[in-house]
Amino acid sequence: MWFDGQAEEAANHYVSIFKDSKLGRIVRYNEAGPGPVGEVLTVEFEVNGQKFVGLNGGPQFTFNEAISFQIFCADQDEVDYYWSKLSDGGAEVACGWLRDKYGVSWQVVPDGLIDMISDPDPDKAKRSTEAMMSMVKFDVAALRRAYAGE
């Protein structure tokens, strides 16, 4: 993950949010450069068992919505937790997507949503999809009501 000087800060942020997460090796610039001696070049971290490397590569490349990470949530409490933690300082987008304060895109998805919008019953799938498309942060109860036709 390419950052502009915030790789260690971002890694600490993500590790503080997700269970089963930890920081790994931090590589700092030495006398060979190209950055200032002692500043972070890369930081390894693990989030929910998935390994990442944050690189302080500079401003040339930025995150965009072409890549996002999905977080499947058991219930509304989990949706609310991840939404609150990850959108803080970032931006709420649409259909469960948000951008965090580092520009990384996330989709916070309740378990079962994919089954609802792909249900073989076209009416259930349509109602679920319409409900989903009308939301920014997902409301699990409203999605279930739409799916049930209530």
C-alpha atoms as a PDB file:
ATOM      1  CA  MET A   1       0.000   0.000   0.000  1.00  0.00           C
ATOM      2  CA  TRP A   2       1.580   3.242  -1.167  1.00  0.00           C
ATOM      3  CA  PHE A   3       1.465   6.144   1.284  1.00  0.00           C
ATOM      4  CA  ASP A   4       2.876   9.641   1.274  1.00  0.00           C
ATOM      5  CA  GLY A   5       4.686   9.529   4.621  1.00  0.00           C
ATOM      6  CA  GLN A   6       1.901   7.970   6.704  1.00  0.00           C
ATOM      7  CA  ALA A   7       2.595   4.224   6.334  1.00  0.00           C
ATOM      8  CA  GLU A   8       3.420   3.646  10.003  1.00  0.00           C
ATOM      9  CA  GLU A   9       0.531   5.811  11.205  1.00  0.00           C
ATOM     10  CA  ALA A  10      -1.888   3.991   8.867  1.00  0.00           C
ATOM     11  CA  ALA A  11      -0.628   0.565   9.921  1.00  0.00           C
ATOM     12  CA  ASN A  12      -1.113   1.455  13.586  1.00  0.00           C
ATOM     13  CA  HIS A  13      -4.589   2.780  12.774  1.00  0.00           C
ATOM     14  CA  TYR A  14      -5.687  -0.413  10.985  1.00  0.00           C
ATOM     15  CA  VAL A  15      -4.182  -2.673  13.649  1.00  0.00           C
ATOM     16  CA  SER A  16      -6.103  -0.750  16.323  1.00  0.00           C
ATOM     17  CA  ILE A  17      -9.418  -1.346  14.513  1.00  0.00           C
ATOM     18  CA  PHE A  18      -9.291  -4.988  13.478  1.00  0.00           C
ATOM     19  CA  LYS A  19      -9.062  -8.062  15.691  1.00  0.00           C
ATOM     20  CA  ASP A  20      -6.355 -10.603  14.922  1.00  0.00           C
ATOM     21  CA  SER A  21      -4.038  -7.838  13.742  1.00  0.00           C
ATOM     22  CA  LYS A  22      -0.449  -6.929  14.474  1.00  0.00           C
ATOM     23  CA  LEU A  23       2.443  -4.778  13.406  1.00  0.00           C
ATOM     24  CA  GLY A  24       5.445  -6.434  11.839  1.00  0.00           C
ATOM     25  CA  ARG A  25       8.878  -5.303  10.741  1.00  0.00           C
ATOM     26  CA  ILE A  26       9.546  -1.638  10.168  1.00  0.00           C
ATOM     27  CA  VAL A  27      12.328  -0.778   7.724  1.00  0.00           C
ATOM     28  CA  ARG A  28      13.896   2.659   8.066  1.00  0.00           C
ATOM     29  CA  TYR A  29      16.098   4.554   5.663  1.00  0.00           C
ATOM     30  CA  ASN A  30      19.803   4.246   6.379  1.00  0.00           C
ATOM     31  CA  GLU A  31      22.753   6.284   5.163  1.00  0.00           C
ATOM     32  CA  ALA A  32      22.256   4.937   1.623  1.00  0.00           C
ATOM     33  CA  GLY A  33      18.974   6.886   1.350  1.00  0.00           C
ATOM     34  CA  PRO A  34      17.090   7.913  -0.619  1.00  0.00           C
ATOM     35  CA  GLY A  35      15.068   9.255   2.336  1.00  0.00           C
ATOM     36  CA  PRO A  36      16.230  10.876   5.564  1.00  0.00           C
ATOM     37  CA  VAL A  37      18.083   8.483   7.890  1.00  0.00           C
ATOM     38  CA  GLY A  38      15.723   6.919  10.415  1.00  0.00           C
ATOM     39  CA  GLU A  39      12.457   7.731   8.640  1.00  0.00           C
ATOM     40  CA  VAL A  40      10.152   4.817   7.821  1.00  0.00           C
ATOM     41  CA  LEU A  41      10.507   3.282   4.380  1.00  0.00           C
ATOM     42  CA  THR A  42       8.140   0.311   4.870  1.00  0.00           C
ATOM     43  CA  VAL A  43       6.016  -1.179   7.612  1.00  0.00           C
ATOM     44  CA  GLU A  44       4.639  -4.700   7.593  1.00  0.00           C
ATOM     45  CA  PHE A  45       1.298  -5.318   9.260  1.00  0.00           C
ATOM     46  CA  GLU A  46      -1.392  -7.948   9.399  1.00  0.00           C
ATOM     47  CA  VAL A  47      -5.134  -7.299   9.497  1.00  0.00           C
ATOM     48  CA  ASN A  48      -7.532 -10.198  10.105  1.00  0.00           C
ATOM     49  CA  GLY A  49      -4.807 -12.604   9.041  1.00  0.00           C
ATOM     50  CA  GLN A  50      -4.091 -10.746   5.770  1.00  0.00           C
ATOM     51  CA  LYS A  51      -0.535  -9.428   5.402  1.00  0.00           C
ATOM     52  CA  PHE A  52       0.159  -5.953   4.045  1.00  0.00           C
ATOM     53  CA  VAL A  53       3.190  -3.751   3.487  1.00  0.00           C
ATOM     54  CA  GLY A  54       2.872   0.005   3.741  1.00  0.00           C
ATOM     55  CA  LEU A  55       5.433   1.952   1.707  1.00  0.00           C
ATOM     56  CA  ASN A  56       6.200   5.636   2.141  1.00  0.00           C
ATOM     57  CA  GLY A  57       6.637   6.142  -1.578  1.00  0.00           C
ATOM     58  CA  GLY A  58       5.686   9.795  -1.874  1.00  0.00           C
ATOM     59  CA  PRO A  59       2.842  11.684  -3.526  1.00  0.00           C
ATOM     60  CA  GLN A  60       3.140  10.222  -7.048  1.00  0.00           C
ATOM     61  CA  PHE A  61       0.462   7.557  -6.539  1.00  0.00           C
ATOM     62  CA  THR A  62      -2.727   7.804  -4.528  1.00  0.00           C
ATOM     63  CA  PHE A  63      -5.495   5.401  -3.594  1.00  0.00           C
ATOM     64  CA  ASN A  64      -8.736   5.405  -5.562  1.00  0.00           C
ATOM     65  CA  GLU A  65     -11.978   3.434  -5.753  1.00  0.00           C
ATOM     66  CA  ALA A  66     -10.575   1.005  -8.331  1.00  0.00           C
ATOM     67  CA  ILE A  67      -9.465  -1.105  -5.344  1.00  0.00           C
ATOM     68  CA  SER A  68     -11.413  -1.556  -2.127  1.00  0.00           C
ATOM     69  CA  PHE A  69     -11.414  -3.946   0.787  1.00  0.00           C
ATOM     70  CA  GLN A  70     -14.616  -5.677   1.893  1.00  0.00           C
ATOM     71  CA  ILE A  71     -15.449  -6.243   5.530  1.00  0.00           C
ATOM     72  CA  PHE A  72     -18.246  -8.745   6.075  1.00  0.00           C
ATOM     73  CA  CYS A  73     -20.125  -8.033   9.293  1.00  0.00           C
ATOM     74  CA  ALA A  74     -22.299 -10.360  11.376  1.00  0.00           C
ATOM     75  CA  ASP A  75     -24.803  -7.692  12.427  1.00  0.00           C
ATOM     76  CA  GLN A  76     -25.630  -3.990  12.572  1.00  0.00           C
ATOM     77  CA  ASP A  77     -23.331  -3.467  15.561  1.00  0.00           C
ATOM     78  CA  GLU A  78     -20.338  -4.627  13.501  1.00  0.00           C
ATOM     79  CA  VAL A  79     -21.421  -2.526  10.508  1.00  0.00           C
ATOM     80  CA  ASP A  80     -21.683   0.515  12.790  1.00  0.00           C
ATOM     81  CA  TYR A  81     -18.322  -0.218  14.467  1.00  0.00           C
ATOM     82  CA  TYR A  82     -16.292  -0.537  11.260  1.00  0.00           C
ATOM     83  CA  TRP A  83     -18.175   2.312   9.591  1.00  0.00           C
ATOM     84  CA  SER A  84     -17.465   4.649  12.477  1.00  0.00           C
ATOM     85  CA  LYS A  85     -13.798   3.701  12.850  1.00  0.00           C
ATOM     86  CA  LEU A  86     -12.937   3.737   9.156  1.00  0.00           C
ATOM     87  CA  SER A  87     -14.962   6.746   8.010  1.00  0.00           C
ATOM     88  CA  ASP A  88     -13.621   8.968  10.817  1.00  0.00           C
ATOM     89  CA  GLY A  89     -11.611  11.636   9.007  1.00  0.00           C
ATOM     90  CA  GLY A  90     -12.537  10.156   5.639  1.00  0.00           C
ATOM     91  CA  ALA A  91     -15.705  10.219   3.548  1.00  0.00           C
ATOM     92  CA  GLU A  92     -18.917   8.230   3.352  1.00  0.00           C
ATOM     93  CA  VAL A  93     -19.590   7.327  -0.275  1.00  0.00           C
ATOM     94  CA  ALA A  94     -22.502   5.024  -1.287  1.00  0.00           C
ATOM     95  CA  CYS A  95     -23.722   1.420  -1.155  1.00  0.00           C
ATOM     96  CA  GLY A  96     -21.645   0.596   1.903  1.00  0.00           C
ATOM     97  CA  TRP A  97     -18.472   2.191   0.543  1.00  0.00           C
ATOM     98  CA  LEU A  98     -16.349   4.709   2.373  1.00  0.00           C
ATOM     99  CA  ARG A  99     -12.877   6.213   2.050  1.00  0.00           C
ATOM    100  CA  ASP A 100     -10.756   6.335   5.169  1.00  0.00           C
ATOM    101  CA  LYS A 101      -8.558   9.249   6.154  1.00  0.00           C
ATOM    102  CA  TYR A 102      -5.696   7.797   4.073  1.00  0.00           C
ATOM    103  CA  GLY A 103      -7.828   7.536   0.921  1.00  0.00           C
ATOM    104  CA  VAL A 104      -8.255   3.742   1.082  1.00  0.00           C
ATOM    105  CA  SER A 105     -11.704   2.513   0.003  1.00  0.00           C
ATOM    106  CA  TRP A 106     -13.623  -0.009   2.095  1.00  0.00           C
ATOM    107  CA  GLN A 107     -17.002  -1.649   1.689  1.00  0.00           C
ATOM    108  CA  VAL A 108     -18.677  -2.540   4.978  1.00  0.00           C
ATOM    109  CA  VAL A 109     -21.103  -5.343   4.093  1.00  0.00           C
ATOM    110  CA  PRO A 110     -23.574  -7.225   6.281  1.00  0.00           C
ATOM    111  CA  ASP A 111     -23.426 -11.013   6.005  1.00  0.00           C
ATOM    112  CA  GLY A 112     -26.137 -12.255   3.688  1.00  0.00           C
ATOM    113  CA  LEU A 113     -26.350  -9.165   1.483  1.00  0.00           C
ATOM    114  CA  ILE A 114     -24.743 -10.859  -1.526  1.00  0.00           C
ATOM    115  CA  ASP A 115     -27.207 -13.753  -1.166  1.00  0.00           C
ATOM    116  CA  MET A 116     -30.117 -11.297  -1.058  1.00  0.00           C
ATOM    117  CA  ILE A 117     -29.159  -9.340  -4.176  1.00  0.00           C
ATOM    118  CA  SER A 118     -28.402 -12.541  -6.100  1.00  0.00           C
ATOM    119  CA  ASP A 119     -31.461 -14.498  -4.931  1.00  0.00           C
ATOM    120  CA  PRO A 120     -32.981 -16.689  -7.672  1.00  0.00           C
ATOM    121  CA  ASP A 121     -36.332 -15.030  -6.932  1.00  0.00           C
ATOM    122  CA  PRO A 122     -36.120 -11.912  -9.138  1.00  0.00           C
ATOM    123  CA  ASP A 123     -38.509  -9.930  -6.939  1.00  0.00           C
ATOM    124  CA  LYS A 124     -36.432 -10.533  -3.796  1.00  0.00           C
ATOM    125  CA  ALA A 125     -33.214  -9.708  -5.652  1.00  0.00           C
ATOM    126  CA  LYS A 126     -34.746  -6.523  -7.122  1.00  0.00           C
ATOM    127  CA  ARG A 127     -36.100  -5.267  -3.797  1.00  0.00           C
ATOM    128  CA  SER A 128     -32.813  -6.003  -2.046  1.00  0.00           C
ATOM    129  CA  THR A 129     -30.768  -4.315  -4.755  1.00  0.00           C
ATOM    130  CA  GLU A 130     -33.005  -1.240  -4.776  1.00  0.00           C
ATOM    131  CA  ALA A 131     -32.708  -0.953  -0.984  1.00  0.00           C
ATOM    132  CA  MET A 132     -28.933  -1.408  -1.169  1.00  0.00           C
ATOM    133  CA  MET A 133     -28.577   1.244  -3.858  1.00  0.00           C
ATOM    134  CA  SER A 134     -30.509   3.772  -1.769  1.00  0.00           C
ATOM    135  CA  MET A 135     -28.155   3.498   1.223  1.00  0.00           C
ATOM    136  CA  VAL A 136     -24.817   4.989   2.125  1.00  0.00           C
ATOM    137  CA  LYS A 137     -24.140   2.970   5.299  1.00  0.00           C
ATOM    138  CA  PHE A 138     -26.080  -0.282   5.270  1.00  0.00           C
ATOM    139  CA  ASP A 139     -29.099  -0.664   7.526  1.00  0.00           C
ATOM    140  CA  VAL A 140     -29.306  -4.426   8.070  1.00  0.00           C
ATOM    141  CA  ALA A 141     -32.927  -4.434   9.267  1.00  0.00           C
ATOM    142  CA  ALA A 142     -34.078  -2.332   6.290  1.00  0.00           C
ATOM    143  CA  LEU A 143     -32.252  -4.640   3.882  1.00  0.00           C
ATOM    144  CA  ARG A 144     -33.935  -7.687   5.440  1.00  0.00           C
ATOM    145  CA  ARG A 145     -37.357  -6.006   5.278  1.00  0.00           C
ATOM    146  CA  ALA A 146     -36.845  -5.189   1.616  1.00  0.00           C
ATOM    147  CA  TYR A 147     -35.766  -8.757   0.909  1.00  0.00           C
ATOM    148  CA  ALA A 148     -38.866 -10.106   2.705  1.00  0.00           C
ATOM    149  CA  GLY A 149     -41.140  -7.694   0.841  1.00  0.00           C
ATOM    150  CA  GLU A 150     -42.255  -5.857   3.977  1.00  0.00           C
END
